[in-house]
PDB file of N, CA and C in Angstrom:
ATOM      1  N   MET A   1     102.233 113.819 131.357  1.00  0.00           N
ATOM      2  CA  MET A   1     101.924 115.228 131.376  1.00  0.00           C
ATOM      3  C   MET A   1     100.590 115.435 130.656  1.00  0.00           C
ATOM      4  N   SER A   2      99.721 116.171 131.290  1.00  0.00           N
ATOM      5  CA  SER A   2      98.411 116.409 130.690  1.00  0.00           C
ATOM      6  C   SER A   2      98.519 117.509 129.627  1.00  0.00           C
ATOM      7  N   ILE A   3      97.468 117.649 128.853  1.00  0.00           N
ATOM      8  CA  ILE A   3      97.462 118.662 127.793  1.00  0.00           C
ATOM      9  C   ILE A   3      97.493 120.077 128.383  1.00  0.00           C
ATOM     10  N   THR A   4      96.879 120.251 129.542  1.00  0.00           N
ATOM     11  CA  THR A   4      96.894 121.560 130.191  1.00  0.00           C
ATOM     12  C   THR A   4      98.297 121.906 130.679  1.00  0.00           C
ATOM     13  N   GLN A   5      98.963 120.937 131.279  1.00  0.00           N
ATOM     14  CA  GLN A   5     100.337 121.176 131.723  1.00  0.00           C
ATOM     15  C   GLN A   5     101.252 121.472 130.546  1.00  0.00           C
ATOM     16  N   GLN A   6     101.074 120.753 129.441  1.00  0.00           N
ATOM     17  CA  GLN A   6     101.897 121.004 128.255  1.00  0.00           C
ATOM     18  C   GLN A   6     101.644 122.398 127.712  1.00  0.00           C
ATOM     19  N   HIS A   7     100.391 122.821 127.696  1.00  0.00           N
ATOM     20  CA  HIS A   7     100.070 124.160 127.214  1.00  0.00           C
ATOM     21  C   HIS A   7     100.707 125.231 128.102  1.00  0.00           C
ATOM     22  N   LEU A   8     100.626 125.048 129.418  1.00  0.00           N
ATOM     23  CA  LEU A   8     101.240 126.020 130.327  1.00  0.00           C
ATOM     24  C   LEU A   8     102.753 126.080 130.134  1.00  0.00           C
ATOM     25  N   LEU A   9     103.377 124.938 129.927  1.00  0.00           N
ATOM     26  CA  LEU A   9     104.813 124.906 129.682  1.00  0.00           C
ATOM     27  C   LEU A   9     105.162 125.611 128.362  1.00  0.00           C
ATOM     28  N   ASP A  10     104.382 125.344 127.323  1.00  0.00           N
ATOM     29  CA  ASP A  10     104.617 126.001 126.034  1.00  0.00           C
ATOM     30  C   ASP A  10     104.400 127.508 126.128  1.00  0.00           C
ATOM     31  N   ALA A  11     103.374 127.929 126.873  1.00  0.00           N
ATOM     32  CA  ALA A  11     103.123 129.363 127.045  1.00  0.00           C
ATOM     33  C   ALA A  11     104.265 130.025 127.812  1.00  0.00           C
ATOM     34  N   TYR A  12     104.773 129.345 128.826  1.00  0.00           N
ATOM     35  CA  TYR A  12     105.900 129.878 129.594  1.00  0.00           C
ATOM     36  C   TYR A  12     107.140 130.013 128.703  1.00  0.00           C
ATOM     37  N   ARG A  13     107.432 128.987 127.930  1.00  0.00           N
ATOM     38  CA  ARG A  13     108.581 129.041 127.023  1.00  0.00           C
ATOM     39  C   ARG A  13     108.420 130.156 126.001  1.00  0.00           C
ATOM     40  N   ALA A  14     107.233 130.310 125.458  1.00  0.00           N
ATOM     41  CA  ALA A  14     106.994 131.367 124.487  1.00  0.00           C
ATOM     42  C   ALA A  14     107.199 132.736 125.119  1.00  0.00           C
ATOM     43  N   GLN A  15     106.757 132.895 126.355  1.00  0.00           N
ATOM     44  CA  GLN A  15     106.940 134.174 127.046  1.00  0.00           C
ATOM     45  C   GLN A  15     108.425 134.450 127.271  1.00  0.00           C
ATOM     46  N   GLN A  16     109.178 133.435 127.647  1.00  0.00           N
ATOM     47  CA  GLN A  16     110.612 133.604 127.894  1.00  0.00           C
ATOM     48  C   GLN A  16     111.367 133.946 126.610  1.00  0.00           C
ATOM     49  N   LEU A  17     110.914 133.398 125.489  1.00  0.00           N
ATOM     50  CA  LEU A  17     111.579 133.636 124.207  1.00  0.00           C
ATOM     51  C   LEU A  17     111.027 134.855 123.476  1.00  0.00           C
ATOM     52  N   GLY A  18     109.951 135.428 123.970  1.00  0.00           N
ATOM     53  CA  GLY A  18     109.362 136.609 123.344  1.00  0.00           C
ATOM     54  C   GLY A  18     108.553 136.294 122.097  1.00  0.00           C
ATOM     55  N   THR A  19     108.091 135.082 121.976  1.00  0.00           N
ATOM     56  CA  THR A  19     107.271 134.694 120.832  1.00  0.00           C
ATOM     57  C   THR A  19     105.811 134.628 121.265  1.00  0.00           C
ATOM     58  N   PRO A  20     104.887 134.651 120.297  1.00  0.00           N
ATOM     59  CA  PRO A  20     103.467 134.574 120.674  1.00  0.00           C
ATOM     60  C   PRO A  20     103.130 133.231 121.325  1.00  0.00           C
ATOM     61  N   ALA A  21     102.228 133.274 122.257  1.00  0.00           N
ATOM     62  CA  ALA A  21     101.806 132.058 122.967  1.00  0.00           C
ATOM     63  C   ALA A  21     100.957 131.188 122.037  1.00  0.00           C
ATOM     64  N   PRO A  22     101.037 129.875 122.190  1.00  0.00           N
ATOM     65  CA  PRO A  22     100.210 128.983 121.371  1.00  0.00           C
ATOM     66  C   PRO A  22      98.740 129.092 121.784  1.00  0.00           C
ATOM     67  N   PRO A  23      97.828 128.735 120.881  1.00  0.00           N
ATOM     68  CA  PRO A  23      96.407 128.786 121.254  1.00  0.00           C
ATOM     69  C   PRO A  23      96.097 127.754 122.333  1.00  0.00           C
ATOM     70  N   ALA A  24      95.096 128.053 123.115  1.00  0.00           N
ATOM     71  CA  ALA A  24      94.681 127.134 124.184  1.00  0.00           C
ATOM     72  C   ALA A  24      94.121 125.855 123.583  1.00  0.00           C
ATOM     73  N   PRO A  25      94.252 124.734 124.295  1.00  0.00           N
ATOM     74  CA  PRO A  25      93.685 123.480 123.789  1.00  0.00           C
ATOM     75  C   PRO A  25      92.178 123.602 123.601  1.00  0.00           C
ATOM     76  N   GLY A  26      91.704 123.163 122.455  1.00  0.00           N
ATOM     77  CA  GLY A  26      90.278 123.219 122.165  1.00  0.00           C
ATOM     78  C   GLY A  26      89.809 124.547 121.610  1.00  0.00           C
ATOM     79  N   ALA A  27      90.723 125.482 121.355  1.00  0.00           N
ATOM     80  CA  ALA A  27      90.321 126.807 120.893  1.00  0.00           C
ATOM     81  C   ALA A  27      89.708 126.775 119.497  1.00  0.00           C
ATOM     82  N   HIS A  28      90.092 125.806 118.682  1.00  0.00           N
ATOM     83  CA  HIS A  28      89.621 125.764 117.297  1.00  0.00           C
ATOM     84  C   HIS A  28      88.748 124.546 117.007  1.00  0.00           C
ATOM     85  N   ASP A  29      88.199 123.925 118.037  1.00  0.00           N
ATOM     86  CA  ASP A  29      87.406 122.715 117.838  1.00  0.00           C
ATOM     87  C   ASP A  29      86.167 122.967 116.988  1.00  0.00           C
ATOM     88  N   ARG A  30      85.467 124.045 117.235  1.00  0.00           N
ATOM     89  CA  ARG A  30      84.255 124.338 116.466  1.00  0.00           C
ATOM     90  C   ARG A  30      84.567 124.542 115.003  1.00  0.00           C
ATOM     91  N   GLN A  31      85.641 125.250 114.722  1.00  0.00           N
ATOM     92  CA  GLN A  31      86.024 125.495 113.335  1.00  0.00           C
ATOM     93  C   GLN A  31      86.382 124.186 112.632  1.00  0.00           C
ATOM     94  N   VAL A  32      87.074 123.303 113.317  1.00  0.00           N
ATOM     95  CA  VAL A  32      87.451 122.014 112.727  1.00  0.00           C
ATOM     96  C   VAL A  32      86.212 121.182 112.413  1.00  0.00           C
ATOM     97  N   VAL A  33      85.263 121.126 113.331  1.00  0.00           N
ATOM     98  CA  VAL A  33      84.038 120.354 113.111  1.00  0.00           C
ATOM     99  C   VAL A  33      83.234 120.956 111.968  1.00  0.00           C
ATOM    100  N   ARG A  34      83.149 122.275 111.913  1.00  0.00           N
ATOM    101  CA  ARG A  34      82.406 122.944 110.839  1.00  0.00           C
ATOM    102  C   ARG A  34      83.039 122.650 109.480  1.00  0.00           C
ATOM    103  N   GLU A  35      84.376 122.705 109.378  1.00  0.00           N
ATOM    104  CA  GLU A  35      85.062 122.415 108.123  1.00  0.00           C
ATOM    105  C   GLU A  35      84.880 120.952 107.725  1.00  0.00           C
ATOM    106  N   TRP A  36      84.914 120.046 108.707  1.00  0.00           N
ATOM    107  CA  TRP A  36      84.710 118.632 108.411  1.00  0.00           C
ATOM    108  C   TRP A  36      83.306 118.398 107.860  1.00  0.00           C
ATOM    109  N   ARG A  37      82.305 119.025 108.496  1.00  0.00           N
ATOM    110  CA  ARG A  37      80.927 118.875 108.037  1.00  0.00           C
ATOM    111  C   ARG A  37      80.742 119.444 106.632  1.00  0.00           C
ATOM    112  N   ASP A  38      81.324 120.620 106.358  1.00  0.00           N
ATOM    113  CA  ASP A  38      81.208 121.225 105.036  1.00  0.00           C
ATOM    114  C   ASP A  38      81.854 120.344 103.965  1.00  0.00           C
ATOM    115  N   ARG A  39      83.003 119.774 104.294  1.00  0.00           N
ATOM    116  CA  ARG A  39      83.681 118.905 103.326  1.00  0.00           C
ATOM    117  C   ARG A  39      82.862 117.643 103.063  1.00  0.00           C
ATOM    118  N   ARG A  40      82.274 117.077 104.114  1.00  0.00           N
ATOM    119  CA  ARG A  40      81.445 115.886 103.957  1.00  0.00           C
ATOM    120  C   ARG A  40      80.235 116.180 103.069  1.00  0.00           C
ATOM    121  N   GLU A  41      79.585 117.321 103.291  1.00  0.00           N
ATOM    122  CA  GLU A  41      78.436 117.700 102.473  1.00  0.00           C
ATOM    123  C   GLU A  41      78.853 117.947 101.027  1.00  0.00           C
ATOM    124  N   PHE A  42      79.991 118.573 100.817  1.00  0.00           N
ATOM    125  CA  PHE A  42      80.486 118.843  99.473  1.00  0.00           C
ATOM    126  C   PHE A  42      80.754 117.532  98.729  1.00  0.00           C
ATOM    127  N   ARG A  43      81.388 116.577  99.408  1.00  0.00           N
ATOM    128  CA  ARG A  43      81.675 115.296  98.777  1.00  0.00           C
ATOM    129  C   ARG A  43      80.389 114.530  98.481  1.00  0.00           C
ATOM    130  N   ALA A  44      79.377 114.670  99.320  1.00  0.00           N
ATOM    131  CA  ALA A  44      78.092 114.020  99.066  1.00  0.00           C
ATOM    132  C   ALA A  44      77.449 114.587  97.813  1.00  0.00           C
ATOM    133  N   VAL A  45      77.511 115.897  97.642  1.00  0.00           N
ATOM    134  CA  VAL A  45      76.940 116.531  96.454  1.00  0.00           C
ATOM    135  C   VAL A  45      77.678 116.064  95.205  1.00  0.00           C
ATOM    136  N   LEU A  46      78.998 115.989  95.259  1.00  0.00           N
ATOM    137  CA  LEU A  46      79.763 115.523  94.108  1.00  0.00           C
ATOM    138  C   LEU A  46      79.432 114.083  93.743  1.00  0.00           C
ATOM    139  N   ALA A  47      79.105 113.280  94.754  1.00  0.00           N
ATOM    140  CA  ALA A  47      78.767 111.879  94.521  1.00  0.00           C
ATOM    141  C   ALA A  47      77.302 111.696  94.119  1.00  0.00           C
ATOM    142  N   GLY A  48      76.529 112.784  94.097  1.00  0.00           N
ATOM    143  CA  GLY A  48      75.136 112.704  93.694  1.00  0.00           C
ATOM    144  C   GLY A  48      74.190 112.275  94.802  1.00  0.00           C
ATOM    145  N   ARG A  49      74.621 112.397  96.050  1.00  0.00           N
ATOM    146  CA  ARG A  49      73.773 112.046  97.185  1.00  0.00           C
ATOM    147  C   ARG A  49      73.240 113.330  97.827  1.00  0.00           C
ATOM    148  N   PRO A  50      72.138 113.238  98.574  1.00  0.00           N
ATOM    149  CA  PRO A  50      71.667 114.437  99.276  1.00  0.00           C
ATOM    150  C   PRO A  50      72.686 114.874 100.333  1.00  0.00           C
ATOM    151  N   ALA A  51      72.886 116.162 100.444  1.00  0.00           N
ATOM    152  CA  ALA A  51      73.906 116.682 101.348  1.00  0.00           C
ATOM    153  C   ALA A  51      73.446 116.695 102.793  1.00  0.00           C
ATOM    154  N   ARG A  52      72.163 116.829 103.038  1.00  0.00           N
ATOM    155  CA  ARG A  52      71.672 116.938 104.417  1.00  0.00           C
ATOM    156  C   ARG A  52      70.545 115.954 104.666  1.00  0.00           C
ATOM    157  N   GLY A  53      70.438 115.528 105.904  1.00  0.00           N
ATOM    158  CA  GLY A  53      69.337 114.679 106.313  1.00  0.00           C
ATOM    159  C   GLY A  53      69.499 113.212 105.971  1.00  0.00           C
ATOM    160  N   ARG A  54      70.709 112.801 105.597  1.00  0.00           N
ATOM    161  CA  ARG A  54      70.895 111.411 105.190  1.00  0.00           C
ATOM    162  C   ARG A  54      70.725 110.447 106.348  1.00  0.00           C
ATOM    163  N   VAL A  55      71.261 110.783 107.503  1.00  0.00           N
ATOM    164  CA  VAL A  55      71.177 109.883 108.655  1.00  0.00           C
ATOM    165  C   VAL A  55      69.735 109.783 109.135  1.00  0.00           C
ATOM    166  N   ARG A  56      69.067 110.910 109.237  1.00  0.00           N
ATOM    167  CA  ARG A  56      67.672 110.906 109.677  1.00  0.00           C
ATOM    168  C   ARG A  56      66.806 110.117 108.695  1.00  0.00           C
ATOM    169  N   HIS A  57      67.064 110.286 107.419  1.00  0.00           N
ATOM    170  CA  HIS A  57      66.301 109.566 106.394  1.00  0.00           C
ATOM    171  C   HIS A  57      66.534 108.055 106.524  1.00  0.00           C
ATOM    172  N   ALA A  58      67.791 107.657 106.697  1.00  0.00           N
ATOM    173  CA  ALA A  58      68.113 106.232 106.835  1.00  0.00           C
ATOM    174  C   ALA A  58      67.500 105.652 108.107  1.00  0.00           C
ATOM    175  N   LEU A  59      67.573 106.379 109.212  1.00  0.00           N
ATOM    176  CA  LEU A  59      66.973 105.895 110.458  1.00  0.00           C
ATOM    177  C   LEU A  59      65.461 105.794 110.329  1.00  0.00           C
ATOM    178  N   GLY A  60      64.852 106.728 109.637  1.00  0.00           N
ATOM    179  CA  GLY A  60      63.414 106.675 109.428  1.00  0.00           C
ATOM    180  C   GLY A  60      63.006 105.453 108.637  1.00  0.00           C
ATOM    181  N   ARG A  61      63.803 105.099 107.628  1.00  0.00           N
ATOM    182  CA  ARG A  61      63.514 103.896 106.839  1.00  0.00           C
ATOM    183  C   ARG A  61      63.685 102.650 107.692  1.00  0.00           C
ATOM    184  N   TRP A  62      64.677 102.659 108.567  1.00  0.00           N
ATOM    185  CA  TRP A  62      64.979 101.488 109.376  1.00  0.00           C
ATOM    186  C   TRP A  62      63.968 101.320 110.515  1.00  0.00           C
ATOM    187  N   LEU A  63      63.627 102.427 111.171  1.00  0.00           N
ATOM    188  CA  LEU A  63      62.730 102.353 112.318  1.00  0.00           C
ATOM    189  C   LEU A  63      61.266 102.233 111.922  1.00  0.00           C
ATOM    190  N   LEU A  64      60.895 102.826 110.795  1.00  0.00           N
ATOM    191  CA  LEU A  64      59.505 102.799 110.318  1.00  0.00           C
ATOM    192  C   LEU A  64      59.469 102.231 108.912  1.00  0.00           C
ATOM    193  N   PRO A  65      59.592 100.915 108.759  1.00  0.00           N
ATOM    194  CA  PRO A  65      59.732 100.332 107.421  1.00  0.00           C
ATOM    195  C   PRO A  65      58.482 100.485 106.538  1.00  0.00           C
ATOM    196  N   GLY A  66      57.319 100.624 107.108  1.00  0.00           N
ATOM    197  CA  GLY A  66      56.115 100.757 106.307  1.00  0.00           C
ATOM    198  C   GLY A  66      55.903 102.162 105.768  1.00  0.00           C
ATOM    199  N   ARG A  67      56.628 103.100 106.277  1.00  0.00           N
ATOM    200  CA  ARG A  67      56.459 104.499 105.898  1.00  0.00           C
ATOM    201  C   ARG A  67      57.344 104.812 104.701  1.00  0.00           C
ATOM    202  N   ARG A  68      56.780 105.449 103.687  1.00  0.00           N
ATOM    203  CA  ARG A  68      57.532 105.808 102.486  1.00  0.00           C
ATOM    204  C   ARG A  68      58.044 107.239 102.579  1.00  0.00           C
ATOM    205  N   ALA A  69      59.244 107.459 102.121  1.00  0.00           N
ATOM    206  CA  ALA A  69      59.817 108.813 102.078  1.00  0.00           C
ATOM    207  C   ALA A  69      59.367 109.470 100.786  1.00  0.00           C
ATOM    208  N   THR A  70      59.060 110.763 100.854  1.00  0.00           N
ATOM    209  CA  THR A  70      58.593 111.489  99.671  1.00  0.00           C
ATOM    210  C   THR A  70      59.700 112.214  98.952  1.00  0.00           C
ATOM    211  N   SER A  71      60.912 112.202  99.470  1.00  0.00           N
ATOM    212  CA  SER A  71      61.983 112.972  98.822  1.00  0.00           C
ATOM    213  C   SER A  71      62.762 112.179  97.861  1.00  0.00           C
TER     214      SER A  71
END
């Protein structure tokens, strides 16, 4: 059974029982990603690392080894 079929079945059951329908699949994906990113940045700050630009900075060091970072 696919996730769409399961959602339709759950919505039908909720309607029959008079309860609120469950949220659609993927309805809260953006919020989950945003919370994950915020938590990752918060943990980086607590560990004393820069919160943003770490991947770009690391790739810049790896791809352009002769170039020095000023930050």
